[in-house]
All heavy atoms as atom14 arrays in JSON, in Angstrom:
{
  "sequence": "MVVDTPALAVVDGRFGYGQTVAPQAVQIGIDKCKASGLAAVALRNSGH",
  "atom14_mask": [
    [1, 1, 1, 1, 1, 1, 1, 1, 0, 0, 0, 0, 0, 0],
    [1, 1, 1, 1, 1, 1, 1, 0, 0, 0, 0, 0, 0, 0],
    [1, 1, 1, 1, 1, 1, 1, 0, 0, 0, 0, 0, 0, 0],
    [1, 1, 1, 1, 1, 1, 1, 1, 0, 0, 0, 0, 0, 0],
    [1, 1, 1, 1, 1, 1, 1, 0, 0, 0, 0, 0, 0, 0],
    [1, 1, 1, 1, 1, 1, 1, 0, 0, 0, 0, 0, 0, 0],
    [1, 1, 1, 1, 1, 0, 0, 0, 0, 0, 0, 0, 0, 0],
    [1, 1, 1, 1, 1, 1, 1, 1, 0, 0, 0, 0, 0, 0],
    [1, 1, 1, 1, 1, 0, 0, 0, 0, 0, 0, 0, 0, 0],
    [1, 1, 1, 1, 1, 1, 1, 0, 0, 0, 0, 0, 0, 0],
    [1, 1, 1, 1, 1, 1, 1, 0, 0, 0, 0, 0, 0, 0],
    [1, 1, 1, 1, 1, 1, 1, 1, 0, 0, 0, 0, 0, 0],
    [1, 1, 1, 1, 0, 0, 0, 0, 0, 0, 0, 0, 0, 0],
    [1, 1, 1, 1, 1, 1, 1, 1, 1, 1, 1, 0, 0, 0],
    [1, 1, 1, 1, 1, 1, 1, 1, 1, 1, 1, 0, 0, 0],
    [1, 1, 1, 1, 0, 0, 0, 0, 0, 0, 0, 0, 0, 0],
    [1, 1, 1, 1, 1, 1, 1, 1, 1, 1, 1, 1, 0, 0],
    [1, 1, 1, 1, 0, 0, 0, 0, 0, 0, 0, 0, 0, 0],
    [1, 1, 1, 1, 1, 1, 1, 1, 1, 0, 0, 0, 0, 0],
    [1, 1, 1, 1, 1, 1, 1, 0, 0, 0, 0, 0, 0, 0],
    [1, 1, 1, 1, 1, 1, 1, 0, 0, 0, 0, 0, 0, 0],
    [1, 1, 1, 1, 1, 0, 0, 0, 0, 0, 0, 0, 0, 0],
    [1, 1, 1, 1, 1, 1, 1, 0, 0, 0, 0, 0, 0, 0],
    [1, 1, 1, 1, 1, 1, 1, 1, 1, 0, 0, 0, 0, 0],
    [1, 1, 1, 1, 1, 0, 0, 0, 0, 0, 0, 0, 0, 0],
    [1, 1, 1, 1, 1, 1, 1, 0, 0, 0, 0, 0, 0, 0],
    [1, 1, 1, 1, 1, 1, 1, 1, 1, 0, 0, 0, 0, 0],
    [1, 1, 1, 1, 1, 1, 1, 1, 0, 0, 0, 0, 0, 0],
    [1, 1, 1, 1, 0, 0, 0, 0, 0, 0, 0, 0, 0, 0],
    [1, 1, 1, 1, 1, 1, 1, 1, 0, 0, 0, 0, 0, 0],
    [1, 1, 1, 1, 1, 1, 1, 1, 0, 0, 0, 0, 0, 0],
    [1, 1, 1, 1, 1, 1, 1, 1, 1, 0, 0, 0, 0, 0],
    [1, 1, 1, 1, 1, 1, 0, 0, 0, 0, 0, 0, 0, 0],
    [1, 1, 1, 1, 1, 1, 1, 1, 1, 0, 0, 0, 0, 0],
    [1, 1, 1, 1, 1, 0, 0, 0, 0, 0, 0, 0, 0, 0],
    [1, 1, 1, 1, 1, 1, 0, 0, 0, 0, 0, 0, 0, 0],
    [1, 1, 1, 1, 0, 0, 0, 0, 0, 0, 0, 0, 0, 0],
    [1, 1, 1, 1, 1, 1, 1, 1, 0, 0, 0, 0, 0, 0],
    [1, 1, 1, 1, 1, 0, 0, 0, 0, 0, 0, 0, 0, 0],
    [1, 1, 1, 1, 1, 0, 0, 0, 0, 0, 0, 0, 0, 0],
    [1, 1, 1, 1, 1, 1, 1, 0, 0, 0, 0, 0, 0, 0],
    [1, 1, 1, 1, 1, 0, 0, 0, 0, 0, 0, 0, 0, 0],
    [1, 1, 1, 1, 1, 1, 1, 1, 0, 0, 0, 0, 0, 0],
    [1, 1, 1, 1, 1, 1, 1, 1, 1, 1, 1, 0, 0, 0],
    [1, 1, 1, 1, 1, 1, 1, 1, 0, 0, 0, 0, 0, 0],
    [1, 1, 1, 1, 1, 1, 0, 0, 0, 0, 0, 0, 0, 0],
    [1, 1, 1, 1, 0, 0, 0, 0, 0, 0, 0, 0, 0, 0],
    [1, 1, 1, 1, 1, 1, 1, 1, 1, 1, 0, 0, 0, 0]
  ],
  "atom14_positions": [
    [[-5.51, -4.38, 5.08], [-4.13, -4.82, 5.15], [-4.07, -6.34, 5.17], [-4.66, -6.99, 6.04], [-3.45, -4.25, 6.4], [-1.97, -4.49, 6.46], [-1.02, -3.46, 5.3], [-1.05, -1.89, 6.15], [0.0, 0.0, 0.0], [0.0, 0.0, 0.0], [0.0, 0.0, 0.0], [0.0, 0.0, 0.0], [0.0, 0.0, 0.0], [0.0, 0.0, 0.0]],
    [[-3.38, -6.92, 4.19], [-3.29, -8.38, 4.09], [-1.97, -8.88, 4.68], [-1.94, -9.87, 5.41], [-3.4, -8.81, 2.61], [-3.3, -10.33, 2.48], [-4.72, -8.32, 2.01], [0.0, 0.0, 0.0], [0.0, 0.0, 0.0], [0.0, 0.0, 0.0], [0.0, 0.0, 0.0], [0.0, 0.0, 0.0], [0.0, 0.0, 0.0], [0.0, 0.0, 0.0]],
    [[-0.88, -8.19, 4.38], [0.45, -8.49, 4.91], [1.05, -7.18, 5.38], [0.97, -6.17, 4.68], [1.37, -9.13, 3.85], [2.78, -9.31, 4.39], [0.79, -10.47, 3.38], [0.0, 0.0, 0.0], [0.0, 0.0, 0.0], [0.0, 0.0, 0.0], [0.0, 0.0, 0.0], [0.0, 0.0, 0.0], [0.0, 0.0, 0.0], [0.0, 0.0, 0.0]],
    [[1.67, -7.2, 6.56], [2.25, -5.97, 7.11], [3.54, -6.31, 7.83], [3.53, -6.89, 8.92], [1.25, -5.32, 8.08], [1.73, -3.96, 8.59], [2.69, -3.42, 8.02], [1.11, -3.45, 9.55], [0.0, 0.0, 0.0], [0.0, 0.0, 0.0], [0.0, 0.0, 0.0], [0.0, 0.0, 0.0], [0.0, 0.0, 0.0], [0.0, 0.0, 0.0]],
    [[4.68, -5.98, 7.21], [5.99, -6.13, 7.83], [6.67, -4.76, 7.81], [6.17, -3.83, 7.19], [6.86, -7.16, 7.08], [7.36, -6.55, 5.89], [6.07, -8.42, 6.74], [0.0, 0.0, 0.0], [0.0, 0.0, 0.0], [0.0, 0.0, 0.0], [0.0, 0.0, 0.0], [0.0, 0.0, 0.0], [0.0, 0.0, 0.0], [0.0, 0.0, 0.0]],
    [[7.8, -4.59, 8.46], [8.44, -3.27, 8.48], [8.74, -2.71, 7.09], [8.7, -1.49, 6.9], [9.74, -3.53, 9.26], [9.38, -4.64, 10.19], [8.47, -5.54, 9.4], [0.0, 0.0, 0.0], [0.0, 0.0, 0.0], [0.0, 0.0, 0.0], [0.0, 0.0, 0.0], [0.0, 0.0, 0.0], [0.0, 0.0, 0.0], [0.0, 0.0, 0.0]],
    [[9.03, -3.56, 6.12], [9.41, -3.05, 4.8], [8.49, -3.52, 3.68], [8.74, -3.2, 2.51], [10.85, -3.47, 4.47], [0.0, 0.0, 0.0], [0.0, 0.0, 0.0], [0.0, 0.0, 0.0], [0.0, 0.0, 0.0], [0.0, 0.0, 0.0], [0.0, 0.0, 0.0], [0.0, 0.0, 0.0], [0.0, 0.0, 0.0], [0.0, 0.0, 0.0]],
    [[7.43, -4.23, 4.0], [6.57, -4.8, 2.97], [5.11, -4.75, 3.42], [4.8, -5.02, 4.58], [6.96, -6.25, 2.68], [6.06, -7.04, 1.74], [6.14, -6.49, 0.32], [6.42, -8.53, 1.75], [0.0, 0.0, 0.0], [0.0, 0.0, 0.0], [0.0, 0.0, 0.0], [0.0, 0.0, 0.0], [0.0, 0.0, 0.0], [0.0, 0.0, 0.0]],
    [[4.24, -4.4, 2.48], [2.8, -4.48, 2.74], [2.09, -5.03, 1.52], [2.48, -4.75, 0.38], [2.24, -3.1, 3.11], [0.0, 0.0, 0.0], [0.0, 0.0, 0.0], [0.0, 0.0, 0.0], [0.0, 0.0, 0.0], [0.0, 0.0, 0.0], [0.0, 0.0, 0.0], [0.0, 0.0, 0.0], [0.0, 0.0, 0.0], [0.0, 0.0, 0.0]],
    [[1.07, -5.8, 1.76], [0.12, -6.19, 0.73], [-1.23, -5.65, 1.17], [-1.68, -5.94, 2.28], [0.05, -7.72, 0.55], [-0.98, -8.07, -0.52], [1.42, -8.29, 0.21], [0.0, 0.0, 0.0], [0.0, 0.0, 0.0], [0.0, 0.0, 0.0], [0.0, 0.0, 0.0], [0.0, 0.0, 0.0], [0.0, 0.0, 0.0], [0.0, 0.0, 0.0]],
    [[-1.84, -4.83, 0.32], [-3.11, -4.2, 0.68], [-4.15, -4.51, -0.38], [-3.84, -4.59, -1.57], [-2.96, -2.68, 0.88], [-2.02, -2.36, 2.03], [-2.47, -2.0, -0.39], [0.0, 0.0, 0.0], [0.0, 0.0, 0.0], [0.0, 0.0, 0.0], [0.0, 0.0, 0.0], [0.0, 0.0, 0.0], [0.0, 0.0, 0.0], [0.0, 0.0, 0.0]],
    [[-5.38, -4.69, 0.08], [-6.5, -4.99, -0.82], [-7.37, -3.75, -0.93], [-7.85, -3.23, 0.08], [-7.31, -6.16, -0.25], [-8.25, -6.76, -1.29], [-8.93, -5.98, -1.99], [-8.31, -8.0, -1.4], [0.0, 0.0, 0.0], [0.0, 0.0, 0.0], [0.0, 0.0, 0.0], [0.0, 0.0, 0.0], [0.0, 0.0, 0.0], [0.0, 0.0, 0.0]],
    [[-7.55, -3.27, -2.16], [-8.36, -2.08, -2.38], [-9.85, -2.34, -2.34], [-10.65, -1.4, -2.37], [0.0, 0.0, 0.0], [0.0, 0.0, 0.0], [0.0, 0.0, 0.0], [0.0, 0.0, 0.0], [0.0, 0.0, 0.0], [0.0, 0.0, 0.0], [0.0, 0.0, 0.0], [0.0, 0.0, 0.0], [0.0, 0.0, 0.0], [0.0, 0.0, 0.0]],
    [[-10.25, -3.61, -2.29], [-11.66, -4.0, -2.18], [-12.52, -3.33, -3.25], [-13.66, -2.99, -3.02], [-12.2, -3.7, -0.77], [-11.39, -4.4, 0.34], [-12.1, -4.39, 1.66], [-12.34, -3.03, 2.13], [-13.1, -2.74, 3.19], [-13.71, -3.7, 3.86], [-13.25, -1.48, 3.58], [0.0, 0.0, 0.0], [0.0, 0.0, 0.0], [0.0, 0.0, 0.0]],
    [[-11.91, -3.14, -4.42], [-12.59, -2.6, -5.6], [-13.12, -1.19, -5.39], [-14.09, -0.77, -6.02], [-13.72, -3.55, -6.05], [-13.21, -4.92, -6.4], [-13.29, -5.97, -5.48], [-12.6, -5.16, -7.62], [-12.79, -7.23, -5.79], [-12.09, -6.42, -7.94], [-12.2, -7.46, -7.02], [0.0, 0.0, 0.0], [0.0, 0.0, 0.0], [0.0, 0.0, 0.0]],
    [[-12.46, -0.45, -4.49], [-12.78, 0.97, -4.33], [-12.21, 1.77, -5.48], [-11.35, 1.3, -6.24], [0.0, 0.0, 0.0], [0.0, 0.0, 0.0], [0.0, 0.0, 0.0], [0.0, 0.0, 0.0], [0.0, 0.0, 0.0], [0.0, 0.0, 0.0], [0.0, 0.0, 0.0], [0.0, 0.0, 0.0], [0.0, 0.0, 0.0], [0.0, 0.0, 0.0]],
    [[-12.67, 3.01, -5.63], [-12.11, 3.89, -6.65], [-10.6, 3.99, -6.45], [-10.11, 4.16, -5.32], [-12.73, 5.28, -6.56], [-14.1, 5.39, -7.18], [-15.25, 5.48, -6.38], [-14.27, 5.42, -8.56], [-16.52, 5.59, -6.94], [-15.53, 5.53, -9.13], [-16.65, 5.61, -8.32], [-17.9, 5.71, -8.89], [0.0, 0.0, 0.0], [0.0, 0.0, 0.0]],
    [[-9.86, 3.9, -7.55], [-8.41, 3.98, -7.45], [-7.93, 5.28, -6.84], [-6.92, 5.32, -6.13], [0.0, 0.0, 0.0], [0.0, 0.0, 0.0], [0.0, 0.0, 0.0], [0.0, 0.0, 0.0], [0.0, 0.0, 0.0], [0.0, 0.0, 0.0], [0.0, 0.0, 0.0], [0.0, 0.0, 0.0], [0.0, 0.0, 0.0], [0.0, 0.0, 0.0]],
    [[-8.66, 6.36, -7.08], [-8.28, 7.67, -6.54], [-8.46, 7.73, -5.02], [-7.98, 8.66, -4.38], [-9.09, 8.78, -7.21], [-8.73, 9.0, -8.67], [-9.35, 7.99, -9.61], [-10.18, 7.16, -9.22], [-8.98, 8.03, -10.88], [0.0, 0.0, 0.0], [0.0, 0.0, 0.0], [0.0, 0.0, 0.0], [0.0, 0.0, 0.0], [0.0, 0.0, 0.0]],
    [[-9.13, 6.73, -4.45], [-9.26, 6.63, -3.0], [-8.28, 5.62, -2.42], [-7.59, 5.92, -1.44], [-10.7, 6.23, -2.62], [-11.58, 7.33, -2.91], [-10.82, 5.88, -1.14], [0.0, 0.0, 0.0], [0.0, 0.0, 0.0], [0.0, 0.0, 0.0], [0.0, 0.0, 0.0], [0.0, 0.0, 0.0], [0.0, 0.0, 0.0], [0.0, 0.0, 0.0]],
    [[-8.18, 4.43, -3.02], [-7.37, 3.39, -2.39], [-5.9, 3.47, -2.78], [-5.03, 3.11, -1.97], [-7.94, 1.98, -2.7], [-9.37, 1.87, -2.17], [-7.89, 1.64, -4.18], [0.0, 0.0, 0.0], [0.0, 0.0, 0.0], [0.0, 0.0, 0.0], [0.0, 0.0, 0.0], [0.0, 0.0, 0.0], [0.0, 0.0, 0.0], [0.0, 0.0, 0.0]],
    [[-5.58, 3.96, -3.99], [-4.17, 4.05, -4.38], [-3.38, 5.01, -3.48], [-2.28, 4.66, -3.04], [-4.03, 4.43, -5.85], [0.0, 0.0, 0.0], [0.0, 0.0, 0.0], [0.0, 0.0, 0.0], [0.0, 0.0, 0.0], [0.0, 0.0, 0.0], [0.0, 0.0, 0.0], [0.0, 0.0, 0.0], [0.0, 0.0, 0.0], [0.0, 0.0, 0.0]],
    [[-3.87, 6.22, -3.19], [-3.09, 7.07, -2.29], [-2.92, 6.49, -0.89], [-1.91, 6.76, -0.23], [-3.86, 8.4, -2.28], [-5.21, 8.1, -2.84], [-5.04, 6.92, -3.74], [0.0, 0.0, 0.0], [0.0, 0.0, 0.0], [0.0, 0.0, 0.0], [0.0, 0.0, 0.0], [0.0, 0.0, 0.0], [0.0, 0.0, 0.0], [0.0, 0.0, 0.0]],
    [[-3.89, 5.7, -0.43], [-3.71, 5.03, 0.86], [-2.55, 4.05, 0.79], [-1.71, 3.99, 1.71], [-4.99, 4.29, 1.25], [-6.19, 5.18, 1.52], [-7.45, 4.38, 1.83], [-7.41, 3.4, 2.56], [-8.57, 4.8, 1.28], [0.0, 0.0, 0.0], [0.0, 0.0, 0.0], [0.0, 0.0, 0.0], [0.0, 0.0, 0.0], [0.0, 0.0, 0.0]],
    [[-2.47, 3.28, -0.29], [-1.39, 2.31, -0.46], [-0.04, 3.01, -0.6], [0.97, 2.58, -0.03], [-1.66, 1.42, -1.68], [0.0, 0.0, 0.0], [0.0, 0.0, 0.0], [0.0, 0.0, 0.0], [0.0, 0.0, 0.0], [0.0, 0.0, 0.0], [0.0, 0.0, 0.0], [0.0, 0.0, 0.0], [0.0, 0.0, 0.0], [0.0, 0.0, 0.0]],
    [[-0.01, 4.1, -1.38], [1.24, 4.83, -1.57], [1.72, 5.43, -0.25], [2.92, 5.41, 0.05], [1.07, 5.92, -2.65], [2.31, 6.79, -2.75], [0.78, 5.28, -4.0], [0.0, 0.0, 0.0], [0.0, 0.0, 0.0], [0.0, 0.0, 0.0], [0.0, 0.0, 0.0], [0.0, 0.0, 0.0], [0.0, 0.0, 0.0], [0.0, 0.0, 0.0]],
    [[0.81, 5.95, 0.55], [1.21, 6.52, 1.83], [1.83, 5.47, 2.74], [2.79, 5.75, 3.47], [0.01, 7.18, 2.53], [0.4, 8.0, 3.75], [1.36, 9.13, 3.42], [1.08, 9.94, 2.55], [2.5, 9.16, 4.09], [0.0, 0.0, 0.0], [0.0, 0.0, 0.0], [0.0, 0.0, 0.0], [0.0, 0.0, 0.0], [0.0, 0.0, 0.0]],
    [[1.3, 4.25, 2.69], [1.91, 3.17, 3.46], [3.34, 2.93, 2.98], [4.27, 2.77, 3.79], [1.07, 1.88, 3.32], [-0.24, 2.03, 4.09], [1.84, 0.66, 3.83], [-1.24, 0.92, 3.83], [0.0, 0.0, 0.0], [0.0, 0.0, 0.0], [0.0, 0.0, 0.0], [0.0, 0.0, 0.0], [0.0, 0.0, 0.0], [0.0, 0.0, 0.0]],
    [[3.54, 2.93, 1.66], [4.88, 2.75, 1.12], [5.81, 3.86, 1.55], [6.99, 3.61, 1.9], [0.0, 0.0, 0.0], [0.0, 0.0, 0.0], [0.0, 0.0, 0.0], [0.0, 0.0, 0.0], [0.0, 0.0, 0.0], [0.0, 0.0, 0.0], [0.0, 0.0, 0.0], [0.0, 0.0, 0.0], [0.0, 0.0, 0.0], [0.0, 0.0, 0.0]],
    [[5.33, 5.09, 1.53], [6.14, 6.24, 1.95], [6.54, 6.09, 3.42], [7.72, 6.26, 3.78], [5.37, 7.55, 1.72], [5.24, 7.84, 0.22], [6.05, 8.72, 2.43], [4.31, 8.97, -0.11], [0.0, 0.0, 0.0], [0.0, 0.0, 0.0], [0.0, 0.0, 0.0], [0.0, 0.0, 0.0], [0.0, 0.0, 0.0], [0.0, 0.0, 0.0]],
    [[5.59, 5.78, 4.26], [5.87, 5.67, 5.7], [6.86, 4.56, 5.99], [7.79, 4.74, 6.8], [4.56, 5.42, 6.47], [3.61, 6.61, 6.42], [4.06, 7.73, 6.08], [2.42, 6.42, 6.71], [0.0, 0.0, 0.0], [0.0, 0.0, 0.0], [0.0, 0.0, 0.0], [0.0, 0.0, 0.0], [0.0, 0.0, 0.0], [0.0, 0.0, 0.0]],
    [[6.69, 3.41, 5.34], [7.61, 2.29, 5.57], [9.01, 2.62, 5.05], [10.03, 2.28, 5.67], [7.07, 1.01, 4.92], [5.87, 0.42, 5.64], [5.46, -0.9, 5.01], [4.25, -1.5, 5.75], [4.57, -1.86, 7.14], [0.0, 0.0, 0.0], [0.0, 0.0, 0.0], [0.0, 0.0, 0.0], [0.0, 0.0, 0.0], [0.0, 0.0, 0.0]],
    [[9.07, 3.28, 3.9], [10.36, 3.63, 3.33], [11.09, 4.66, 4.19], [12.3, 4.56, 4.39], [10.17, 4.17, 1.91], [11.72, 4.47, 1.04], [0.0, 0.0, 0.0], [0.0, 0.0, 0.0], [0.0, 0.0, 0.0], [0.0, 0.0, 0.0], [0.0, 0.0, 0.0], [0.0, 0.0, 0.0], [0.0, 0.0, 0.0], [0.0, 0.0, 0.0]],
    [[10.36, 5.62, 4.71], [10.98, 6.62, 5.59], [11.56, 5.94, 6.84], [12.58, 6.38, 7.38], [9.95, 7.67, 6.0], [9.6, 8.65, 4.9], [10.76, 9.57, 4.58], [10.37, 10.68, 3.63], [11.52, 11.58, 3.32], [0.0, 0.0, 0.0], [0.0, 0.0, 0.0], [0.0, 0.0, 0.0], [0.0, 0.0, 0.0], [0.0, 0.0, 0.0]],
    [[10.91, 4.89, 7.3], [11.37, 4.19, 8.5], [12.53, 3.23, 8.21], [13.44, 3.08, 9.03], [10.21, 3.41, 9.13], [0.0, 0.0, 0.0], [0.0, 0.0, 0.0], [0.0, 0.0, 0.0], [0.0, 0.0, 0.0], [0.0, 0.0, 0.0], [0.0, 0.0, 0.0], [0.0, 0.0, 0.0], [0.0, 0.0, 0.0], [0.0, 0.0, 0.0]],
    [[12.51, 2.61, 7.01], [13.48, 1.54, 6.72], [14.46, 1.87, 5.62], [15.46, 1.16, 5.46], [12.72, 0.26, 6.34], [11.84, -0.15, 7.36], [0.0, 0.0, 0.0], [0.0, 0.0, 0.0], [0.0, 0.0, 0.0], [0.0, 0.0, 0.0], [0.0, 0.0, 0.0], [0.0, 0.0, 0.0], [0.0, 0.0, 0.0], [0.0, 0.0, 0.0]],
    [[14.19, 2.89, 4.82], [15.04, 3.22, 3.69], [14.64, 2.55, 2.41], [14.99, 3.01, 1.32], [0.0, 0.0, 0.0], [0.0, 0.0, 0.0], [0.0, 0.0, 0.0], [0.0, 0.0, 0.0], [0.0, 0.0, 0.0], [0.0, 0.0, 0.0], [0.0, 0.0, 0.0], [0.0, 0.0, 0.0], [0.0, 0.0, 0.0], [0.0, 0.0, 0.0]],
    [[13.89, 1.44, 2.51], [13.46, 0.68, 1.35], [12.14, 0.01, 1.69], [11.98, -0.53, 2.79], [14.5, -0.38, 0.98], [14.2, -1.31, -0.2], [14.19, -0.54, -1.51], [15.23, -2.44, -0.25], [0.0, 0.0, 0.0], [0.0, 0.0, 0.0], [0.0, 0.0, 0.0], [0.0, 0.0, 0.0], [0.0, 0.0, 0.0], [0.0, 0.0, 0.0]],
    [[11.19, 0.03, 0.77], [9.89, -0.59, 1.03], [9.26, -1.03, -0.28], [9.58, -0.52, -1.36], [8.96, 0.37, 1.77], [0.0, 0.0, 0.0], [0.0, 0.0, 0.0], [0.0, 0.0, 0.0], [0.0, 0.0, 0.0], [0.0, 0.0, 0.0], [0.0, 0.0, 0.0], [0.0, 0.0, 0.0], [0.0, 0.0, 0.0], [0.0, 0.0, 0.0]],
    [[8.34, -1.97, -0.16], [7.56, -2.42, -1.31], [6.12, -2.59, -0.88], [5.84, -3.07, 0.23], [8.1, -3.72, -1.88], [0.0, 0.0, 0.0], [0.0, 0.0, 0.0], [0.0, 0.0, 0.0], [0.0, 0.0, 0.0], [0.0, 0.0, 0.0], [0.0, 0.0, 0.0], [0.0, 0.0, 0.0], [0.0, 0.0, 0.0], [0.0, 0.0, 0.0]],
    [[5.21, -2.2, -1.74], [3.78, -2.33, -1.45], [3.1, -2.96, -2.66], [3.26, -2.48, -3.79], [3.12, -0.97, -1.13], [1.62, -1.13, -0.92], [3.75, -0.35, 0.11], [0.0, 0.0, 0.0], [0.0, 0.0, 0.0], [0.0, 0.0, 0.0], [0.0, 0.0, 0.0], [0.0, 0.0, 0.0], [0.0, 0.0, 0.0], [0.0, 0.0, 0.0]],
    [[2.35, -4.02, -2.4], [1.54, -4.66, -3.43], [0.09, -4.27, -3.19], [-0.48, -4.59, -2.15], [1.7, -6.18, -3.36], [0.0, 0.0, 0.0], [0.0, 0.0, 0.0], [0.0, 0.0, 0.0], [0.0, 0.0, 0.0], [0.0, 0.0, 0.0], [0.0, 0.0, 0.0], [0.0, 0.0, 0.0], [0.0, 0.0, 0.0], [0.0, 0.0, 0.0]],
    [[-0.48, -3.55, -4.15], [-1.9, -3.16, -4.09], [-2.68, -4.07, -5.02], [-2.38, -4.16, -6.21], [-2.07, -1.7, -4.52], [-3.5, -1.21, -4.74], [-4.31, -1.25, -3.45], [-3.49, 0.21, -5.33], [0.0, 0.0, 0.0], [0.0, 0.0, 0.0], [0.0, 0.0, 0.0], [0.0, 0.0, 0.0], [0.0, 0.0, 0.0], [0.0, 0.0, 0.0]],
    [[-3.68, -4.74, -4.48], [-4.52, -5.62, -5.29], [-5.96, -5.11, -5.3], [-6.39, -4.37, -4.42], [-4.51, -7.05, -4.73], [-5.13, -7.18, -3.34], [-5.27, -8.62, -2.87], [-3.99, -9.3, -2.72], [-3.83, -10.39, -1.96], [-4.86, -10.92, -1.3], [-2.65, -10.95, -1.87], [0.0, 0.0, 0.0], [0.0, 0.0, 0.0], [0.0, 0.0, 0.0]],
    [[-6.69, -5.49, -6.34], [-8.13, -5.24, -6.4], [-8.5, -3.78, -6.22], [-9.4, -3.43, -5.45], [-8.87, -6.1, -5.37], [-8.67, -7.58, -5.6], [-8.47, -8.02, -6.73], [-8.7, -8.36, -4.53], [0.0, 0.0, 0.0], [0.0, 0.0, 0.0], [0.0, 0.0, 0.0], [0.0, 0.0, 0.0], [0.0, 0.0, 0.0], [0.0, 0.0, 0.0]],
    [[-7.82, -2.92, -6.97], [-8.14, -1.49, -6.96], [-8.99, -1.16, -8.17], [-8.81, -1.73, -9.25], [-6.85, -0.66, -7.01], [-7.14, 0.71, -7.23], [0.0, 0.0, 0.0], [0.0, 0.0, 0.0], [0.0, 0.0, 0.0], [0.0, 0.0, 0.0], [0.0, 0.0, 0.0], [0.0, 0.0, 0.0], [0.0, 0.0, 0.0], [0.0, 0.0, 0.0]],
    [[-9.92, -0.22, -8.0], [-10.54, 0.38, -9.16], [-9.49, 1.1, -10.0], [-8.33, 1.21, -9.6], [0.0, 0.0, 0.0], [0.0, 0.0, 0.0], [0.0, 0.0, 0.0], [0.0, 0.0, 0.0], [0.0, 0.0, 0.0], [0.0, 0.0, 0.0], [0.0, 0.0, 0.0], [0.0, 0.0, 0.0], [0.0, 0.0, 0.0], [0.0, 0.0, 0.0]],
    [[-9.86, 1.59, -11.15], [-8.93, 2.24, -12.07], [-8.12, 3.31, -11.35], [-8.68, 4.26, -10.8], [-9.7, 2.85, -13.24], [-8.84, 3.39, -14.31], [-8.65, 4.75, -14.52], [-8.09, 2.76, -15.26], [-7.84, 4.93, -15.54], [-7.49, 3.75, -16.01], [0.0, 0.0, 0.0], [0.0, 0.0, 0.0], [0.0, 0.0, 0.0], [0.0, 0.0, 0.0]]
  ]
}
């Protein structure tokens, strides 16, 4: 986790497989959106 606010996150995938790090990032977006109604997540450095 690089940035973590109630409605925004920036997460670094550390070049892990996309099928591992992308669902982690999406779940963060889901959780924040459920709490706030609106959310944005920036995923960087993900494998495909």
